[in-house]
Amino acid sequence: MTDGAGDLPDDLTAAEAGMWQAFRNGTVYDLSGGDPLVDDPHGGHPWGGERTVRARIVAWLLLDGPPALAGRVSSLKLAGVRISGTLDLAGGTVVPYVELKRCRFEREVLLPEAHFTTVRMVDCSVPRLEAARLHTEGDLHLPRCRFHHGVRLADAQIGTDLLLNQAVVDRDRTGRSIAADGLTVGQDLQAELLESHGELSLRSAKIGVSLSLRGARLANPYGRLALNAPQLTVGRTLYLTPAGLGGQALSGATPARGTRVRRFECRGGVRLDDGRFGDAVDLERARFLCTEEQELSLRRVQTPELRFLGERPGRGKVVLSGARVINLVDRASAWPGPGNLHMGGFVYENLVPQGPFPLAERLEWVAAATAEYAPEPYERLASVLRAGGEDEDAREVLLAKQRRRRETLPPAAKLVGYAQDWTVAYGYRPGRAAVWMAVLWAAGSLAFAHAPHPPVSRDGHPPWNPALFALDLLLPVIDLGQVGQWRLSGGWQWLATALILLGWVLATTVAAGATRLLRRG
């Protein structure tokens, strides 16, 4: 039995008695043997009774433990300990500080609706962590832990940071590795070098500062999505970028020269639809390995900057429909090919290419996103180029739009389109009209100088002027008083008709180009 002074209970084992005393003293209770192979909590070496404490004794200490010794703060600090049975703290309020390092749990850890200050489980082997609606005032640290049947953090509230760096999480019975829908994290969620075997679910999660998946490897061969995070809110940046290996500081530090780097890699679909990101979505060197049916989906995402700088997906689709970004930072080699890119309603204000991205390749980028003709991607690109002072490139984009549209027209309209393109490039190169007008005028003047031209009326007519006659035919609106005064026949009549038609084509095309210029103004 135990009294109010915190005397040892009668039924404790030697290992539990040592843990009890260390709890009152606030010191680390380390049962490691000194052999790294034997002490590895993830290894196959058995740990006997000398290293085993019962889960119910651990729960007793945390929920209703003895008072601290004078001048000490009670806390549970275990290292190299095997915990038998199910650790059940569901609904409990745990005041002492908790830190478990290199421990091995025999059964699952139950923390649903529990309240903690700070919990640290480092490099532990855990069959499963059930922590829905968990509440911590401080951190929840789970680095280098191995969870054999998943982690559940649905609707959990973490006061400051959630750390999952280098954790390995296998799927549960539902196919999820980490089920954290509705999770709230006050500051950072770091899951750098995480290995997730199943669906990582962060639906409607809210991260106060940044979400880092640097160097993580997500794989879900059992389902459609490896990362399922629609309506995710991140105060600053989502990092799907590389991380340094081998002792290098993880959180964003630039690796030293020679440091081995691991990319973010995702084998399966990614869903970030309707996400809100305060600073950026960073996909620097990210690798997405999808099937034909899977997607990297960024539908309706809103972020000031999208850094689309990953490796070109070999299969699957990239969907940006309805997304809104200010700066699109990209490179030509990052985008998928035709049929695998969808950008309907994608709004961006500035293009910031990293490396060469000539206009011809940018037009291929737009064409890849429009399996069927759609004017909006061309108009968006032209608008952004014009806003950046690239008026000539903007006209080339709009010309490409007209040429793409032409392919959808019936044969007669298509012929007219070819004529407009050949003559004045749909009005986007109006200087061509003057050249063609001069050529046709000169040719017509020379030709009509040899044409028989009996007058229509003998009563009165102006002097015959072949140059004015040719110009009168070419100008469809202005009347120079020549056409209608002379009678042509045979081939000369056909030549006059041809000049009239060519004049109308030139005039309407120039008028269309002028209208476009006025609209842009």
Protein backbone atom coordinates (compact mmCIF):
# COMPACT_ATOMS: atom_id res chain seq x y z
CA MET A 1 0.00 0.00 0.00
CA THR A 2 0.99 3.67 -0.32
CA ASP A 3 0.36 6.66 1.94
CA GLY A 4 -0.03 10.36 1.23
CA ALA A 5 3.74 10.88 1.50
CA GLY A 6 4.27 8.86 -1.65
CA ASP A 7 5.67 5.62 -0.19
CA LEU A 8 6.15 2.78 -2.64
CA PRO A 9 3.14 0.55 -3.33
CA ASP A 10 3.61 -3.04 -2.21
CA ASP A 11 3.11 -4.78 -5.58
CA LEU A 12 5.71 -2.98 -7.69
CA THR A 13 8.45 -4.87 -9.47
CA ALA A 14 12.03 -3.74 -9.08
CA ALA A 15 11.89 -1.95 -12.44
CA GLU A 16 8.64 -0.22 -11.48
CA ALA A 17 9.99 0.79 -8.09
CA GLY A 18 12.94 2.47 -9.77
CA MET A 19 10.57 4.27 -12.14
CA TRP A 20 8.44 5.40 -9.18
CA GLN A 21 11.39 6.93 -7.39
CA ALA A 22 12.72 8.59 -10.57
CA PHE A 23 9.27 10.10 -11.13
CA ARG A 24 9.29 11.74 -7.69
CA ASN A 25 12.84 12.92 -8.24
CA GLY A 26 12.18 14.23 -11.79
CA THR A 27 15.16 12.33 -13.19
CA VAL A 28 15.63 10.10 -16.23
CA TYR A 29 15.03 6.40 -15.60
CA ASP A 30 17.26 4.60 -18.10
CA LEU A 31 17.19 0.82 -18.38
CA SER A 32 19.34 0.64 -21.52
CA GLY A 33 21.97 -2.08 -21.46
CA GLY A 34 24.67 -0.29 -23.45
CA ASP A 35 24.60 -2.58 -26.51
CA PRO A 36 23.15 -0.58 -29.44
CA LEU A 37 21.78 -3.70 -31.14
CA VAL A 38 20.01 -4.97 -28.03
CA ASP A 39 18.82 -1.49 -27.05
CA ASP A 40 17.25 -0.79 -30.46
CA PRO A 41 13.51 -0.59 -29.70
CA HIS A 42 12.72 -1.52 -33.31
CA GLY A 43 15.01 -4.55 -33.35
CA GLY A 44 14.23 -8.18 -32.64
CA HIS A 45 16.12 -8.63 -29.38
CA PRO A 46 13.72 -9.44 -26.52
CA TRP A 47 13.63 -7.23 -23.45
CA GLY A 48 12.97 -9.14 -20.24
CA GLY A 49 11.29 -8.34 -16.95
CA GLU A 50 14.28 -6.33 -15.76
CA ARG A 51 13.42 -3.72 -18.39
CA THR A 52 9.60 -4.00 -18.24
CA VAL A 53 7.04 -1.85 -16.45
CA ARG A 54 3.29 -2.26 -16.60
CA ALA A 55 1.27 0.30 -18.52
CA ARG A 56 -1.21 0.68 -15.65
CA ILE A 57 1.63 1.75 -13.31
CA VAL A 58 2.72 4.34 -15.86
CA ALA A 59 -0.88 5.58 -16.07
CA TRP A 60 -1.08 5.68 -12.26
CA LEU A 61 2.00 7.88 -12.06
CA LEU A 62 0.76 10.26 -14.73
CA LEU A 63 -2.84 10.59 -13.56
CA ASP A 64 -2.51 10.28 -9.78
CA GLY A 65 1.17 9.96 -8.99
CA PRO A 66 2.97 10.64 -5.70
CA PRO A 67 4.19 14.14 -4.84
CA ALA A 68 7.63 15.25 -5.91
CA LEU A 69 10.49 15.17 -3.45
CA ALA A 70 11.33 18.46 -1.80
CA GLY A 71 12.87 20.88 -4.28
CA ARG A 72 12.02 18.63 -7.25
CA VAL A 73 9.41 18.61 -10.03
CA SER A 74 7.81 15.25 -10.72
CA SER A 75 8.10 14.05 -14.31
CA LEU A 76 8.12 10.78 -16.23
CA LYS A 77 11.38 10.42 -18.13
CA LEU A 78 11.98 6.89 -19.39
CA ALA A 79 14.68 5.50 -21.66
CA GLY A 80 15.11 1.94 -22.88
CA VAL A 81 11.99 0.70 -21.08
CA ARG A 82 9.49 -1.91 -22.26
CA ILE A 83 5.89 -1.01 -21.37
CA SER A 84 3.58 -4.02 -21.20
CA GLY A 85 -0.16 -3.85 -21.64
CA THR A 86 -2.22 -1.01 -23.08
CA LEU A 87 -1.31 2.49 -21.91
CA ASP A 88 -4.76 4.02 -21.51
CA LEU A 89 -4.93 7.71 -20.60
CA ALA A 90 -8.17 8.42 -22.47
CA GLY A 91 -9.94 11.49 -21.13
CA GLY A 92 -7.32 12.06 -18.46
CA THR A 93 -5.51 15.23 -17.48
CA VAL A 94 -1.76 14.71 -17.22
CA VAL A 95 0.13 17.45 -15.43
CA PRO A 96 3.69 16.01 -15.21
CA TYR A 97 6.14 16.43 -18.04
CA VAL A 98 6.37 13.25 -20.18
CA GLU A 99 9.46 12.18 -22.13
CA LEU A 100 9.95 8.62 -23.41
CA LYS A 101 13.11 7.77 -25.38
CA ARG A 102 13.91 4.51 -27.13
CA CYS A 103 11.02 2.74 -25.40
CA ARG A 104 9.12 -0.28 -26.65
CA PHE A 105 5.34 -0.50 -26.22
CA GLU A 106 3.76 -3.91 -26.20
CA ARG A 107 0.31 -2.63 -27.14
CA GLU A 108 -1.32 0.54 -28.42
CA VAL A 109 -1.21 3.89 -26.66
CA LEU A 110 -4.64 5.42 -26.01
CA LEU A 111 -4.73 9.20 -25.56
CA PRO A 112 -8.14 10.29 -26.94
CA GLU A 113 -9.47 13.47 -25.32
CA ALA A 114 -6.52 13.52 -22.92
CA HIS A 115 -4.94 16.81 -21.79
CA PHE A 116 -1.17 17.25 -21.52
CA THR A 117 1.29 20.07 -21.15
CA THR A 118 4.03 18.57 -23.37
CA VAL A 119 4.54 15.00 -24.60
CA ARG A 120 7.78 13.72 -26.09
CA MET A 121 8.11 10.21 -27.46
CA VAL A 122 11.44 9.88 -29.25
CA ASP A 123 12.62 6.82 -31.17
CA CYS A 124 9.94 4.56 -29.68
CA SER A 125 8.27 1.46 -31.10
CA VAL A 126 4.48 1.79 -30.82
CA PRO A 127 1.89 -0.61 -32.26
CA ARG A 128 -0.60 2.25 -32.65
CA LEU A 129 -1.19 5.75 -31.29
CA GLU A 130 -4.84 6.61 -30.78
CA ALA A 131 -5.03 10.31 -29.91
CA ALA A 132 -8.21 11.77 -31.41
CA ARG A 133 -9.14 15.10 -29.78
CA LEU A 134 -5.90 15.11 -27.80
CA HIS A 135 -5.09 18.52 -26.32
CA THR A 136 -1.59 19.74 -25.46
CA GLU A 137 -0.61 23.15 -24.17
CA GLY A 138 2.88 22.71 -25.56
CA ASP A 139 4.52 20.31 -28.02
CA LEU A 140 3.77 16.82 -29.21
CA HIS A 141 7.07 15.28 -30.30
CA LEU A 142 7.13 11.90 -32.06
CA PRO A 143 10.44 11.93 -33.99
CA ARG A 144 12.03 8.66 -35.16
CA CYS A 145 9.13 6.64 -33.75
CA ARG A 146 7.81 3.60 -35.58
CA PHE A 147 4.03 3.14 -35.56
CA HIS A 148 3.09 -0.29 -36.88
CA HIS A 149 -0.66 0.27 -37.25
CA GLY A 150 -1.01 4.01 -37.77
CA VAL A 151 -1.55 7.21 -35.85
CA ARG A 152 -4.87 8.91 -35.23
CA LEU A 153 -4.82 12.62 -34.41
CA ALA A 154 -8.26 13.62 -35.70
CA ASP A 155 -9.41 16.95 -34.22
CA ALA A 156 -6.36 17.06 -31.93
CA GLN A 157 -5.20 20.47 -30.71
CA ILE A 158 -1.46 20.92 -30.34
CA GLY A 159 -0.54 24.15 -28.57
CA THR A 160 2.83 24.76 -30.22
CA ASP A 161 4.72 22.25 -32.43
CA LEU A 162 3.98 18.77 -33.76
CA LEU A 163 7.13 16.86 -34.70
CA LEU A 164 7.11 13.70 -36.79
CA ASN A 165 10.62 13.98 -38.19
CA GLN A 166 12.04 10.64 -39.41
CA ALA A 167 9.01 8.76 -38.12
CA VAL A 168 7.90 5.59 -39.90
CA VAL A 169 4.14 5.05 -39.97
CA ASP A 170 2.42 1.99 -41.41
CA ARG A 171 -1.25 1.93 -42.35
CA ASP A 172 -4.14 1.03 -40.10
CA ARG A 173 -7.14 -1.13 -40.97
CA THR A 174 -8.72 1.72 -42.96
CA GLY A 175 -5.64 2.19 -45.12
CA ARG A 176 -4.49 5.39 -43.43
CA SER A 177 -1.06 5.92 -41.96
CA ILE A 178 -1.80 9.22 -40.18
CA ALA A 179 -5.45 10.19 -39.76
CA ALA A 180 -5.29 13.83 -38.70
CA ASP A 181 -8.45 15.37 -40.13
CA GLY A 182 -9.37 18.57 -38.30
CA LEU A 183 -5.95 18.75 -36.60
CA THR A 184 -4.93 22.15 -35.21
CA VAL A 185 -1.27 23.01 -34.60
CA GLY A 186 -0.40 26.35 -33.04
CA GLN A 187 2.98 26.73 -34.73
CA ASP A 188 4.88 24.26 -36.95
CA LEU A 189 4.10 20.75 -38.13
CA GLN A 190 7.42 19.18 -39.03
CA ALA A 191 7.35 15.78 -40.69
CA GLU A 192 10.74 15.89 -42.37
CA LEU A 193 12.12 12.58 -43.67
CA LEU A 194 8.83 10.98 -42.65
CA GLU A 195 8.03 7.58 -44.18
CA SER A 196 4.31 7.09 -44.61
CA HIS A 197 2.95 3.75 -45.87
CA GLY A 198 -0.71 4.47 -46.45
CA GLU A 199 -2.84 7.60 -46.77
CA LEU A 200 -1.64 10.68 -44.89
CA SER A 201 -4.91 12.49 -44.21
CA LEU A 202 -4.93 16.16 -43.16
CA ARG A 203 -8.40 17.19 -44.27
CA SER A 204 -9.38 20.63 -42.91
CA ALA A 205 -6.24 20.76 -40.77
CA LYS A 206 -4.99 24.16 -39.58
CA ILE A 207 -1.27 24.81 -39.15
CA GLY A 208 -0.36 28.13 -37.53
CA VAL A 209 3.03 28.68 -39.18
CA SER A 210 4.61 26.15 -41.57
CA LEU A 211 4.06 22.55 -42.65
CA SER A 212 7.30 20.85 -43.61
CA LEU A 213 7.44 17.53 -45.44
CA ARG A 214 11.04 18.05 -46.56
CA GLY A 215 12.59 14.80 -47.68
CA ALA A 216 9.46 12.82 -46.77
CA ARG A 217 8.47 9.68 -48.64
CA LEU A 218 4.76 9.06 -48.94
CA ALA A 219 3.50 5.88 -50.55
CA ASN A 220 0.04 4.40 -50.76
CA PRO A 221 -0.08 1.40 -53.10
CA TYR A 222 -3.39 0.40 -51.51
CA GLY A 223 -5.47 3.44 -52.48
CA ARG A 224 -5.79 6.48 -54.74
CA LEU A 225 -4.23 9.14 -52.49
CA ALA A 226 -0.93 9.24 -50.63
CA LEU A 227 -1.56 12.79 -49.32
CA ASN A 228 -5.17 13.76 -48.77
CA ALA A 229 -5.34 17.35 -47.48
CA PRO A 230 -8.27 19.32 -48.93
CA GLN A 231 -9.16 22.59 -47.17
CA LEU A 232 -5.76 22.63 -45.49
CA THR A 233 -4.83 25.99 -43.96
CA VAL A 234 -1.15 26.85 -43.41
CA GLY A 235 -0.19 30.24 -41.97
CA ARG A 236 2.99 30.46 -44.00
CA THR A 237 4.56 27.81 -46.26
CA LEU A 238 3.98 24.20 -47.28
CA TYR A 239 7.36 22.60 -48.02
CA LEU A 240 7.47 19.54 -50.30
CA THR A 241 11.21 19.96 -50.84
CA PRO A 242 14.52 18.13 -50.22
CA ALA A 243 16.15 17.57 -46.84
CA GLY A 244 19.76 16.88 -45.90
CA LEU A 245 20.68 13.49 -44.48
CA GLY A 246 23.30 12.45 -41.98
CA GLY A 247 23.14 14.73 -38.98
CA GLN A 248 22.28 17.83 -40.98
CA ALA A 249 19.82 20.19 -39.32
CA LEU A 250 16.46 19.55 -40.88
CA SER A 251 14.28 22.63 -40.76
CA GLY A 252 15.26 24.47 -43.89
CA ALA A 253 18.99 24.75 -43.28
CA THR A 254 21.10 24.70 -46.42
CA PRO A 255 22.98 21.40 -46.51
CA ALA A 256 26.76 21.65 -46.31
CA ARG A 257 28.77 20.78 -49.41
CA GLY A 258 28.83 17.02 -49.88
CA THR A 259 25.77 16.40 -47.71
CA ARG A 260 23.49 13.71 -49.09
CA VAL A 261 20.08 15.13 -49.95
CA ARG A 262 16.77 13.29 -50.14
CA ARG A 263 13.93 14.69 -52.21
CA PHE A 264 10.31 14.74 -51.24
CA GLU A 265 8.78 11.74 -53.01
CA CYS A 266 5.14 10.79 -53.28
CA ARG A 267 3.94 7.49 -54.75
CA GLY A 268 0.24 8.09 -55.14
CA GLY A 269 -2.17 10.94 -55.64
CA VAL A 270 -2.01 14.28 -53.85
CA ARG A 271 -5.11 16.32 -53.02
CA LEU A 272 -4.64 19.89 -51.78
CA ASP A 273 -7.94 21.26 -53.09
CA ASP A 274 -9.24 24.52 -51.56
CA GLY A 275 -6.06 24.96 -49.52
CA ARG A 276 -5.03 28.35 -48.14
CA PHE A 277 -1.33 29.11 -47.72
CA GLY A 278 -0.09 32.43 -46.32
CA ASP A 279 3.30 32.53 -48.06
CA ALA A 280 3.91 29.73 -50.56
CA VAL A 281 3.54 26.17 -51.75
CA ASP A 282 7.08 24.99 -52.46
CA LEU A 283 7.59 21.94 -54.72
CA GLU A 284 11.33 22.39 -55.29
CA ARG A 285 12.72 19.11 -56.76
CA ALA A 286 9.64 17.17 -55.61
CA ARG A 287 9.01 13.83 -57.27
CA PHE A 288 5.43 12.64 -57.91
CA LEU A 289 5.01 9.05 -59.07
CA CYS A 290 1.39 8.56 -60.04
CA THR A 291 -0.65 6.14 -62.09
CA GLU A 292 -2.62 7.36 -65.10
CA GLU A 293 -5.72 7.78 -62.92
CA GLN A 294 -4.04 9.69 -60.07
CA GLU A 295 -3.58 13.46 -59.76
CA LEU A 296 -1.54 16.17 -58.18
CA SER A 297 -4.64 18.23 -57.47
CA LEU A 298 -4.37 21.91 -56.54
CA ARG A 299 -7.94 22.88 -57.41
CA ARG A 300 -8.93 26.31 -56.04
CA VAL A 301 -5.73 26.64 -54.01
CA GLN A 302 -4.91 30.20 -52.92
CA THR A 303 -1.33 31.22 -52.17
CA PRO A 304 0.88 34.25 -52.86
CA GLU A 305 3.50 32.01 -54.48
CA LEU A 306 3.49 28.60 -56.13
CA ARG A 307 6.97 27.20 -56.70
CA PHE A 308 6.33 24.53 -59.31
CA LEU A 309 9.92 23.36 -59.59
CA GLY A 310 9.65 19.61 -59.19
CA GLU A 311 10.50 16.73 -61.47
CA ARG A 312 8.16 16.31 -64.45
CA PRO A 313 5.53 13.68 -63.56
CA GLY A 314 5.82 10.73 -65.90
CA ARG A 315 2.16 9.81 -65.53
CA GLY A 316 -0.94 11.19 -63.86
CA LYS A 317 -2.44 14.66 -64.07
CA VAL A 318 -1.58 18.05 -62.62
CA VAL A 319 -4.78 20.01 -61.95
CA LEU A 320 -4.71 23.75 -61.18
CA SER A 321 -8.31 24.52 -62.08
CA GLY A 322 -9.60 27.54 -60.19
CA ALA A 323 -6.31 28.10 -58.33
CA ARG A 324 -5.24 31.69 -57.61
CA VAL A 325 -1.60 32.68 -57.07
CA ILE A 326 0.30 35.92 -57.34
CA ASN A 327 3.75 34.63 -58.36
CA LEU A 328 4.07 31.46 -60.43
CA VAL A 329 7.69 30.36 -60.05
CA ASP A 330 8.32 27.50 -62.46
CA ARG A 331 10.63 25.88 -64.95
CA ALA A 332 9.83 24.36 -68.33
CA SER A 333 11.00 20.87 -67.32
CA ALA A 334 8.58 20.64 -64.37
CA TRP A 335 5.29 20.58 -66.27
CA PRO A 336 3.62 17.43 -67.65
CA GLY A 337 2.89 16.90 -71.32
CA PRO A 338 -0.31 17.35 -73.33
CA GLY A 339 -3.45 15.92 -71.80
CA ASN A 340 -1.99 15.74 -68.29
CA LEU A 341 -2.24 19.42 -67.34
CA HIS A 342 -5.51 21.20 -66.54
CA MET A 343 -5.59 24.95 -65.86
CA GLY A 344 -9.18 26.04 -66.40
CA GLY A 345 -9.76 29.17 -64.32
CA PHE A 346 -6.13 29.21 -63.10
CA VAL A 347 -5.25 32.83 -62.22
CA TYR A 348 -1.67 34.03 -61.77
CA GLU A 349 -0.37 37.60 -61.81
CA ASN A 350 3.38 37.23 -62.38
CA LEU A 351 5.57 34.66 -64.09
CA VAL A 352 8.99 34.04 -62.51
CA PRO A 353 10.67 31.31 -64.59
CA GLN A 354 13.73 29.61 -63.13
CA GLY A 355 16.01 28.94 -66.06
CA PRO A 356 15.22 29.27 -69.78
CA PHE A 357 11.53 29.27 -70.58
CA PRO A 358 11.21 30.74 -74.12
CA LEU A 359 7.85 31.87 -75.43
CA ALA A 360 7.57 28.89 -77.78
CA GLU A 361 7.77 26.51 -74.79
CA ARG A 362 5.36 28.69 -72.81
CA LEU A 363 2.86 28.34 -75.66
CA GLU A 364 3.38 24.57 -75.59
CA TRP A 365 2.64 24.77 -71.84
CA VAL A 366 -0.70 26.44 -72.57
CA ALA A 367 -1.48 24.01 -75.38
CA ALA A 368 -0.75 21.07 -73.05
CA ALA A 369 -3.39 22.40 -70.65
CA THR A 370 -6.11 22.71 -73.31
CA ALA A 371 -6.84 19.39 -74.97
CA GLU A 372 -9.82 21.19 -76.48
CA TYR A 373 -9.55 24.84 -77.47
CA ALA A 374 -10.21 27.27 -74.62
CA PRO A 375 -9.38 30.98 -74.94
CA GLU A 376 -8.91 31.72 -71.24
CA PRO A 377 -5.38 30.25 -70.68
CA TYR A 378 -4.07 32.20 -73.69
CA GLU A 379 -5.73 35.42 -72.55
CA ARG A 380 -4.37 35.01 -69.00
CA LEU A 381 -0.83 34.48 -70.29
CA ALA A 382 -1.11 37.46 -72.64
CA SER A 383 -2.42 39.65 -69.82
CA VAL A 384 0.47 38.70 -67.53
CA LEU A 385 3.05 39.29 -70.28
CA ARG A 386 1.53 42.66 -71.13
CA ALA A 387 1.52 43.69 -67.47
CA GLY A 388 5.23 42.85 -67.41
CA GLY A 389 5.93 45.07 -70.42
CA GLU A 390 6.24 42.19 -72.91
CA ASP A 391 3.76 43.54 -75.46
CA GLU A 392 5.30 41.75 -78.44
CA ASP A 393 5.16 38.39 -76.65
CA ALA A 394 1.59 39.11 -75.59
CA ARG A 395 0.61 39.64 -79.24
CA GLU A 396 2.29 36.36 -80.17
CA VAL A 397 0.22 34.57 -77.51
CA LEU A 398 -3.02 36.07 -78.81
CA LEU A 399 -2.02 35.16 -82.36
CA ALA A 400 -1.45 31.57 -81.18
CA LYS A 401 -4.92 31.67 -79.63
CA GLN A 402 -6.47 32.63 -82.99
CA ARG A 403 -4.56 29.90 -84.79
CA ARG A 404 -5.71 27.35 -82.21
CA ARG A 405 -9.30 28.59 -82.56
CA ARG A 406 -9.09 28.30 -86.33
CA GLU A 407 -8.69 24.53 -86.08
CA THR A 408 -12.18 24.31 -84.51
CA LEU A 409 -13.94 26.22 -87.34
CA PRO A 410 -15.82 24.83 -90.37
CA PRO A 411 -13.89 24.68 -93.67
CA ALA A 412 -15.09 28.01 -95.12
CA ALA A 413 -14.32 29.97 -91.94
CA LYS A 414 -11.04 28.12 -91.69
CA LEU A 415 -10.04 29.33 -95.17
CA VAL A 416 -10.87 32.92 -94.21
CA GLY A 417 -8.78 32.44 -91.09
CA TYR A 418 -5.80 31.22 -93.10
CA ALA A 419 -6.14 34.28 -95.34
CA GLN A 420 -6.21 36.62 -92.35
CA ASP A 421 -3.24 34.87 -90.81
CA TRP A 422 -1.21 34.94 -94.02
CA THR A 423 -1.93 38.55 -94.77
CA VAL A 424 -1.90 40.44 -91.45
CA ALA A 425 -1.63 37.71 -88.77
CA TYR A 426 -5.20 38.32 -87.56
CA GLY A 427 -4.45 42.01 -87.09
CA TYR A 428 -1.70 41.45 -84.53
CA ARG A 429 0.85 42.53 -87.13
CA PRO A 430 -0.98 45.45 -88.77
CA GLY A 431 2.15 46.62 -90.55
CA ARG A 432 1.67 43.73 -92.95
CA ALA A 433 -1.56 45.35 -94.19
CA ALA A 434 0.27 48.41 -95.50
CA VAL A 435 2.82 46.20 -97.27
CA TRP A 436 0.13 44.07 -98.89
CA MET A 437 -1.87 47.18 -99.84
CA ALA A 438 1.17 48.70 -101.51
CA VAL A 439 1.97 45.49 -103.39
CA LEU A 440 -1.61 45.02 -104.58
CA TRP A 441 -1.92 48.68 -105.53
CA ALA A 442 1.28 48.61 -107.56
CA ALA A 443 0.34 45.34 -109.27
CA GLY A 444 -3.18 46.58 -110.00
CA SER A 445 -1.94 49.91 -111.37
CA LEU A 446 0.45 48.19 -113.75
CA ALA A 447 -2.19 45.69 -114.85
CA PHE A 448 -4.98 48.19 -115.43
CA ALA A 449 -2.68 50.45 -117.43
CA HIS A 450 -3.10 47.89 -120.23
CA ALA A 451 -6.80 47.18 -119.70
CA PRO A 452 -9.51 48.24 -122.22
CA HIS A 453 -11.75 50.63 -120.30
CA PRO A 454 -14.71 51.98 -122.28
CA PRO A 455 -16.71 54.47 -120.21
CA VAL A 456 -20.09 53.54 -118.80
CA SER A 457 -21.55 56.89 -119.95
CA ARG A 458 -20.40 59.08 -122.82
CA ASP A 459 -21.98 62.19 -121.30
CA GLY A 460 -19.26 62.73 -118.75
CA HIS A 461 -16.59 60.82 -116.93
CA PRO A 462 -13.29 61.56 -115.19
CA PRO A 463 -10.00 60.96 -116.96
CA TRP A 464 -8.83 57.33 -116.83
CA ASN A 465 -6.25 56.82 -114.07
CA PRO A 466 -5.22 53.16 -113.56
CA ALA A 467 -3.54 53.92 -110.20
CA LEU A 468 -6.64 55.63 -108.77
CA PHE A 469 -8.86 52.89 -110.21
CA ALA A 470 -6.82 50.15 -108.50
CA LEU A 471 -6.83 52.10 -105.21
CA ASP A 472 -10.60 52.67 -105.45
CA LEU A 473 -11.09 48.91 -105.78
CA LEU A 474 -8.87 48.16 -102.76
CA LEU A 475 -10.45 50.71 -100.38
CA PRO A 476 -13.90 49.29 -99.49
CA VAL A 477 -15.36 52.40 -97.86
CA ILE A 478 -13.73 55.39 -99.55
CA ASP A 479 -15.09 56.35 -103.01
CA LEU A 480 -12.44 57.88 -105.29
CA GLY A 481 -14.87 58.27 -108.20
CA GLN A 482 -13.28 55.65 -110.48
CA VAL A 483 -15.19 52.42 -109.89
CA GLY A 484 -18.54 52.56 -111.69
CA GLN A 485 -17.27 54.91 -114.38
CA TRP A 486 -15.56 52.31 -116.56
CA ARG A 487 -16.72 49.04 -118.06
CA LEU A 488 -14.37 46.06 -117.74
CA SER A 489 -14.87 42.68 -119.32
CA GLY A 490 -13.40 39.20 -119.32
CA GLY A 491 -10.37 38.59 -117.13
CA TRP A 492 -10.14 42.28 -116.19
CA GLN A 493 -13.50 42.03 -114.51
CA TRP A 494 -12.30 39.03 -112.49
CA LEU A 495 -9.15 40.92 -111.51
CA ALA A 496 -11.23 43.86 -110.28
CA THR A 497 -13.43 41.50 -108.24
CA ALA A 498 -10.34 39.88 -106.69
CA LEU A 499 -8.96 43.27 -105.64
CA ILE A 500 -12.30 44.21 -104.05
CA LEU A 501 -12.34 40.97 -102.02
CA LEU A 502 -8.72 41.36 -100.96
CA GLY A 503 -9.42 44.93 -99.93
CA TRP A 504 -12.29 43.82 -97.70
CA VAL A 505 -10.14 41.09 -96.11
CA LEU A 506 -7.39 43.60 -95.36
CA ALA A 507 -9.82 46.20 -94.06
CA THR A 508 -11.76 43.86 -91.75
CA THR A 509 -8.58 42.33 -90.37
CA VAL A 510 -7.05 45.72 -89.66
CA ALA A 511 -10.31 46.82 -88.03
CA ALA A 512 -10.29 43.71 -85.82
CA GLY A 513 -6.70 44.39 -84.81
CA ALA A 514 -7.52 48.02 -84.01
CA THR A 515 -10.47 46.89 -81.88
CA ARG A 516 -8.20 44.55 -79.90
CA LEU A 517 -5.71 47.37 -79.35
CA LEU A 518 -8.47 49.69 -78.12
CA ARG A 519 -9.79 47.01 -75.74
CA ARG A 520 -6.32 46.50 -74.29
CA GLY A 521 -6.07 50.25 -73.81
